[in-house]
């Protein structure tokens, strides 16, 4: 199976219905050996493109990963970015907001972590949590310290979608390219992975009772994701829905999308000026002495 990034990209203007998007597709690789070889090729390509991206310094790249628990966000980030120079890449995981973060607008804490030009930023969860988990659990909204007149659940989600789209448009116009991944995991596969976390001692630390509690809200989360992606999917900042029941497939799809996105940018290594060439020749002579 040849990976075509566009097959997983949400078309502009589409009203997302997750039941129409598969959580599993035909295996891309014939064997584990084939998978490792293809992933290595993707990682090598990404490493070369990242060096060019860093040297060019005109764009920044932001990768956003959203998913239900156990969908494989951590593993995808770890495997896909394994060949990237740590100096040119930063990963941030956004968990429950701190007291300081709750004193600011909902975009503040993520805005502080946006990547510089020439760098890659990775958000493991992001500002989208504010229209996902907060929407599923509106009691969180009421604990955020907003003025009472601004807490209108009939309008606040549409307002937040609007603010997010405006932010991403602003970032695009200032050189940031954004790729948004939703790792699409089935309810059945999540259950299987939770059971694995119980059965395998080295995975026990990954599991908590709250994970099981959130499964009760599965349909609510699916609806929240559908409405969120429908409202915030744009030509400049697209959503990609990646089938996540097969971890190997998901990692290959994610890596191909990142490689394709970077390859499409107009990047080049800085040209050496005549003055710089003269300096280098002077240095060459000094080293030859």
Protein backbone atom coordinates (compact mmCIF):
# COMPACT_ATOMS: atom_id res chain seq x y z
CA UNK A 1 0.00 0.00 0.00
CA UNK A 2 1.41 3.36 -1.05
CA UNK A 3 0.79 6.11 1.49
CA UNK A 4 -1.01 9.12 0.04
CA UNK A 5 -1.25 11.95 2.56
CA UNK A 6 -4.38 13.37 0.96
CA UNK A 7 -6.28 10.15 1.73
CA UNK A 8 -6.19 11.04 5.42
CA UNK A 9 -6.69 14.79 5.11
CA UNK A 10 -10.13 16.12 5.97
CA UNK A 11 -11.48 17.93 2.87
CA UNK A 12 -12.16 21.63 3.34
CA UNK A 13 -15.76 22.30 4.28
CA UNK A 14 -16.52 18.69 5.21
CA UNK A 15 -18.87 18.00 8.08
CA UNK A 16 -16.83 15.33 9.84
CA UNK A 17 -18.57 12.08 10.76
CA UNK A 18 -16.08 9.76 12.41
CA UNK A 19 -18.12 6.67 11.57
CA UNK A 20 -17.18 7.34 7.95
CA UNK A 21 -13.46 7.32 8.75
CA UNK A 22 -11.79 3.94 9.38
CA UNK A 23 -9.84 3.14 12.53
CA UNK A 24 -7.93 0.49 10.61
CA UNK A 25 -6.78 0.13 7.00
CA UNK A 26 -4.95 -2.51 4.98
CA UNK A 27 -1.41 -3.02 6.37
CA UNK A 28 1.11 -0.84 4.63
CA UNK A 29 3.92 -3.34 5.22
CA UNK A 30 4.15 -7.06 4.61
CA UNK A 31 6.25 -7.77 7.69
CA UNK A 32 7.83 -6.20 10.77
CA UNK A 33 11.14 -6.07 8.89
CA UNK A 34 9.50 -4.19 6.04
CA UNK A 35 7.90 -1.79 8.52
CA UNK A 36 11.23 -1.00 10.19
CA UNK A 37 12.88 -0.43 6.81
CA UNK A 38 10.15 1.94 5.62
CA UNK A 39 10.05 3.83 8.92
CA UNK A 40 13.83 4.20 8.78
CA UNK A 41 13.53 5.67 5.28
CA UNK A 42 10.92 8.16 6.51
CA UNK A 43 13.04 9.07 9.53
CA UNK A 44 16.11 9.61 7.33
CA UNK A 45 14.12 11.85 4.98
CA UNK A 46 12.71 13.78 7.90
CA UNK A 47 16.19 14.21 9.39
CA UNK A 48 17.52 15.68 6.12
CA UNK A 49 14.50 17.95 5.74
CA UNK A 50 14.79 19.10 9.35
CA UNK A 51 18.41 20.17 8.79
CA UNK A 52 17.34 22.13 5.73
CA UNK A 53 14.38 23.58 7.64
CA UNK A 54 16.69 24.70 10.47
CA UNK A 55 19.27 26.21 8.11
CA UNK A 56 16.69 27.98 5.95
CA UNK A 57 15.02 29.55 8.98
CA UNK A 58 11.97 30.96 7.19
CA UNK A 59 9.27 28.61 8.45
CA UNK A 60 8.31 26.94 11.69
CA UNK A 61 6.42 23.65 11.85
CA UNK A 62 3.83 22.81 14.52
CA UNK A 63 2.56 19.25 14.86
CA UNK A 64 -0.56 18.81 17.00
CA UNK A 65 -1.55 15.36 18.25
CA UNK A 66 -5.05 14.78 19.63
CA UNK A 67 -6.63 11.44 20.48
CA UNK A 68 -8.40 9.36 23.04
CA UNK A 69 -6.26 7.68 25.71
CA UNK A 70 -4.07 4.79 24.48
CA UNK A 71 -4.30 5.86 20.84
CA UNK A 72 -0.51 5.94 20.53
CA UNK A 73 0.39 9.63 20.57
CA UNK A 74 3.56 9.13 22.62
CA UNK A 75 4.73 6.22 20.50
CA UNK A 76 4.08 8.03 17.23
CA UNK A 77 6.03 11.07 18.40
CA UNK A 78 8.90 8.94 19.73
CA UNK A 79 9.29 6.79 16.60
CA UNK A 80 8.60 9.38 13.90
CA UNK A 81 10.87 12.04 15.40
CA UNK A 82 13.63 9.62 16.43
CA UNK A 83 16.05 10.95 13.81
CA UNK A 84 15.46 14.66 14.37
CA UNK A 85 18.18 16.74 16.01
CA UNK A 86 16.88 17.61 19.50
CA UNK A 87 18.25 21.14 19.09
CA UNK A 88 15.69 21.77 16.35
CA UNK A 89 12.66 20.17 17.96
CA UNK A 90 10.66 20.55 21.19
CA UNK A 91 7.80 18.45 22.55
CA UNK A 92 5.24 19.82 25.00
CA UNK A 93 2.56 17.78 26.74
CA UNK A 94 -0.41 19.79 27.96
CA UNK A 95 -2.12 18.31 30.98
CA UNK A 96 -4.41 19.85 33.59
CA UNK A 97 -3.87 23.64 33.64
CA UNK A 98 -1.92 25.10 36.56
CA UNK A 99 -3.25 27.86 38.79
CA UNK A 100 -1.16 30.39 36.86
CA UNK A 101 -2.43 29.13 33.51
CA UNK A 102 -6.04 29.39 34.64
CA UNK A 103 -5.47 33.09 35.30
CA UNK A 104 -4.96 33.65 31.56
CA UNK A 105 -7.00 33.13 28.40
CA UNK A 106 -7.29 29.54 27.17
CA UNK A 107 -4.68 30.01 24.41
CA UNK A 108 -2.01 31.57 26.62
CA UNK A 109 -0.15 28.49 27.82
CA UNK A 110 0.18 27.00 24.34
CA UNK A 111 1.13 30.31 22.71
CA UNK A 112 4.17 30.43 25.00
CA UNK A 113 5.38 27.15 23.48
CA UNK A 114 5.01 27.93 19.78
CA UNK A 115 8.09 27.01 17.72
CA UNK A 116 10.52 29.58 16.37
CA UNK A 117 11.27 29.79 12.66
CA UNK A 118 13.57 26.96 11.73
CA UNK A 119 12.28 24.70 14.48
CA UNK A 120 9.66 21.98 14.89
CA UNK A 121 7.23 22.16 17.79
CA UNK A 122 5.13 19.18 18.85
CA UNK A 123 2.03 19.51 21.02
CA UNK A 124 0.97 16.28 22.71
CA UNK A 125 -2.58 17.50 23.28
CA UNK A 126 -3.02 21.24 22.86
CA UNK A 127 -5.38 24.18 23.07
CA UNK A 128 -7.93 21.87 21.44
CA UNK A 129 -8.46 20.29 24.85
CA UNK A 130 -10.42 23.46 25.67
CA UNK A 131 -13.11 22.50 23.17
CA UNK A 132 -12.91 18.76 23.79
CA UNK A 133 -12.51 17.65 27.41
CA UNK A 134 -13.89 20.96 28.67
CA UNK A 135 -16.91 20.56 26.44
CA UNK A 136 -17.51 17.00 27.60
CA UNK A 137 -17.05 18.12 31.21
CA UNK A 138 -18.50 21.65 31.36
CA UNK A 139 -17.87 21.80 35.11
CA UNK A 140 -14.23 22.43 34.17
CA UNK A 141 -15.32 25.57 32.33
CA UNK A 142 -17.01 26.89 35.44
CA UNK A 143 -13.81 26.43 37.43
CA UNK A 144 -11.67 28.52 35.08
CA UNK A 145 -12.42 31.85 36.71
CA UNK A 146 -14.17 33.46 33.75
CA UNK A 147 -16.70 36.24 34.39
CA UNK A 148 -20.15 34.73 34.77
CA UNK A 149 -21.55 36.66 31.81
CA UNK A 150 -19.00 34.98 29.50
CA UNK A 151 -19.94 31.43 30.45
CA UNK A 152 -22.70 30.79 27.96
CA UNK A 153 -22.47 27.19 26.80
CA UNK A 154 -24.77 27.97 23.88
CA UNK A 155 -22.16 30.23 22.26
CA UNK A 156 -18.78 29.73 23.92
CA UNK A 157 -17.69 26.72 21.86
CA UNK A 158 -18.37 28.48 18.55
CA UNK A 159 -16.47 31.49 19.89
CA UNK A 160 -13.51 29.34 20.83
CA UNK A 161 -13.50 27.64 17.41
CA UNK A 162 -13.42 31.12 15.89
CA UNK A 163 -10.49 32.20 18.10
CA UNK A 164 -8.57 29.03 17.20
CA UNK A 165 -9.08 29.50 13.46
CA UNK A 166 -8.00 33.14 13.74
CA UNK A 167 -4.87 32.13 15.69
CA UNK A 168 -3.91 29.46 13.17
CA UNK A 169 -4.49 31.84 10.27
CA UNK A 170 -2.29 34.44 11.99
CA UNK A 171 0.44 31.83 12.52
CA UNK A 172 0.24 30.70 8.90
CA UNK A 173 0.67 34.27 7.69
CA UNK A 174 3.78 34.52 9.84
CA UNK A 175 5.47 31.40 8.51
CA UNK A 176 4.15 28.64 10.80
CA UNK A 177 2.84 25.51 9.10
CA UNK A 178 0.45 23.48 11.24
CA UNK A 179 -0.40 19.79 10.89
CA UNK A 180 -3.17 18.51 13.13
CA UNK A 181 -3.40 14.76 13.71
CA UNK A 182 -6.38 12.96 15.18
CA UNK A 183 -5.33 9.38 15.91
CA UNK A 184 -8.60 7.57 15.30
CA UNK A 185 -8.83 4.63 17.72
CA UNK A 186 -11.78 2.27 18.04
CA UNK A 187 -13.51 1.69 21.36
CA UNK A 188 -12.66 -2.01 21.15
CA UNK A 189 -8.95 -1.41 20.52
CA UNK A 190 -8.75 1.04 23.41
CA UNK A 191 -10.22 -1.61 25.71
CA UNK A 192 -7.63 -4.13 24.49
CA UNK A 193 -4.77 -1.70 25.13
CA UNK A 194 -6.08 -0.87 28.60
CA UNK A 195 -6.13 -4.58 29.43
CA UNK A 196 -2.55 -4.87 28.16
CA UNK A 197 -1.56 -2.08 30.53
CA UNK A 198 -2.99 -4.10 33.40
CA UNK A 199 -1.45 -7.42 32.31
CA UNK A 200 2.05 -6.10 31.56
CA UNK A 201 3.82 -4.82 34.73
CA UNK A 202 6.02 -2.39 32.81
CA UNK A 203 2.87 -0.68 31.52
CA UNK A 204 1.01 -0.46 34.84
CA UNK A 205 2.18 3.11 35.38
CA UNK A 206 0.31 4.21 32.25
CA UNK A 207 -3.06 3.18 33.61
CA UNK A 208 -5.43 4.81 36.10
CA UNK A 209 -9.07 4.53 37.12
CA UNK A 210 -9.77 7.89 35.47
CA UNK A 211 -8.96 6.29 32.09
CA UNK A 212 -11.79 3.80 32.55
CA UNK A 213 -14.08 6.54 33.83
CA UNK A 214 -13.59 8.57 30.62
CA UNK A 215 -14.65 5.58 28.48
CA UNK A 216 -18.19 6.21 29.73
CA UNK A 217 -18.14 9.45 27.75
CA UNK A 218 -16.92 7.90 24.48
CA UNK A 219 -19.90 9.05 22.40
CA UNK A 220 -19.67 12.54 23.90
CA UNK A 221 -16.00 12.75 22.95
CA UNK A 222 -16.67 11.52 19.41
CA UNK A 223 -19.30 14.22 18.96
CA UNK A 224 -16.97 16.86 20.40
CA UNK A 225 -14.18 15.79 18.02
CA UNK A 226 -16.53 15.81 15.04
CA UNK A 227 -17.78 19.32 15.73
CA UNK A 228 -14.30 20.58 16.58
CA UNK A 229 -12.65 19.25 13.43
CA UNK A 230 -15.54 20.39 11.23
CA UNK A 231 -15.22 23.93 12.59
CA UNK A 232 -11.42 24.25 12.62
CA UNK A 233 -10.32 22.37 9.51
CA UNK A 234 -8.94 24.89 7.01
CA UNK A 235 -6.82 24.80 3.87
CA UNK A 236 -3.91 26.36 5.77
CA UNK A 237 -4.24 24.26 8.94
CA UNK A 238 -5.76 20.91 8.00
CA UNK A 239 -6.82 17.99 10.15
CA UNK A 240 -5.59 14.52 9.29
CA UNK A 241 -7.61 11.57 10.62
CA UNK A 242 -5.13 8.71 11.04
CA UNK A 243 -6.39 5.14 11.56
CA UNK A 244 -4.79 4.19 14.89
CA UNK A 245 -5.83 0.59 15.61
CA UNK A 246 -2.58 -0.55 13.96
CA UNK A 247 0.29 1.35 15.59
CA UNK A 248 2.81 0.57 12.84
CA UNK A 249 0.46 1.81 10.14
CA UNK A 250 -0.31 4.96 12.11
CA UNK A 251 3.37 5.83 12.56
CA UNK A 252 4.11 5.36 8.87
CA UNK A 253 1.13 7.51 7.88
CA UNK A 254 2.10 10.28 10.30
CA UNK A 255 5.73 10.26 9.17
CA UNK A 256 4.73 10.37 5.49
CA UNK A 257 2.46 13.38 6.11
CA UNK A 258 5.25 15.24 7.93
CA UNK A 259 7.77 14.46 5.19
CA UNK A 260 5.33 15.57 2.47
CA UNK A 261 4.55 18.82 4.30
CA UNK A 262 8.20 19.75 4.77
CA UNK A 263 9.06 18.73 1.20
CA UNK A 264 6.43 21.14 -0.13
CA UNK A 265 8.03 24.16 1.54
CA UNK A 266 10.30 26.43 -0.49
CA UNK A 267 13.50 25.94 1.49
CA UNK A 268 17.16 26.27 0.60
CA UNK A 269 20.45 26.44 2.41
CA UNK A 270 21.71 30.03 2.79
CA UNK A 271 23.85 31.09 -0.15
CA UNK A 272 27.49 31.89 0.49
CA UNK A 273 28.38 35.47 -0.41
CA UNK A 274 31.61 36.52 -2.12
CA UNK A 275 32.81 38.09 1.12
CA UNK A 276 32.11 34.86 3.00
CA UNK A 277 34.02 32.83 0.40
CA UNK A 278 37.04 35.10 0.88
CA UNK A 279 36.82 34.57 4.65
CA UNK A 280 36.68 30.81 4.18
CA UNK A 281 39.69 30.83 1.87
CA UNK A 282 41.60 32.85 4.46
CA UNK A 283 40.71 30.27 7.09
CA UNK A 284 41.79 27.47 4.72
CA UNK A 285 45.23 29.09 4.34
CA UNK A 286 45.58 29.48 8.10
CA UNK A 287 44.71 25.82 8.66
CA UNK A 288 47.28 24.79 6.04
CA UNK A 289 50.13 26.54 7.85
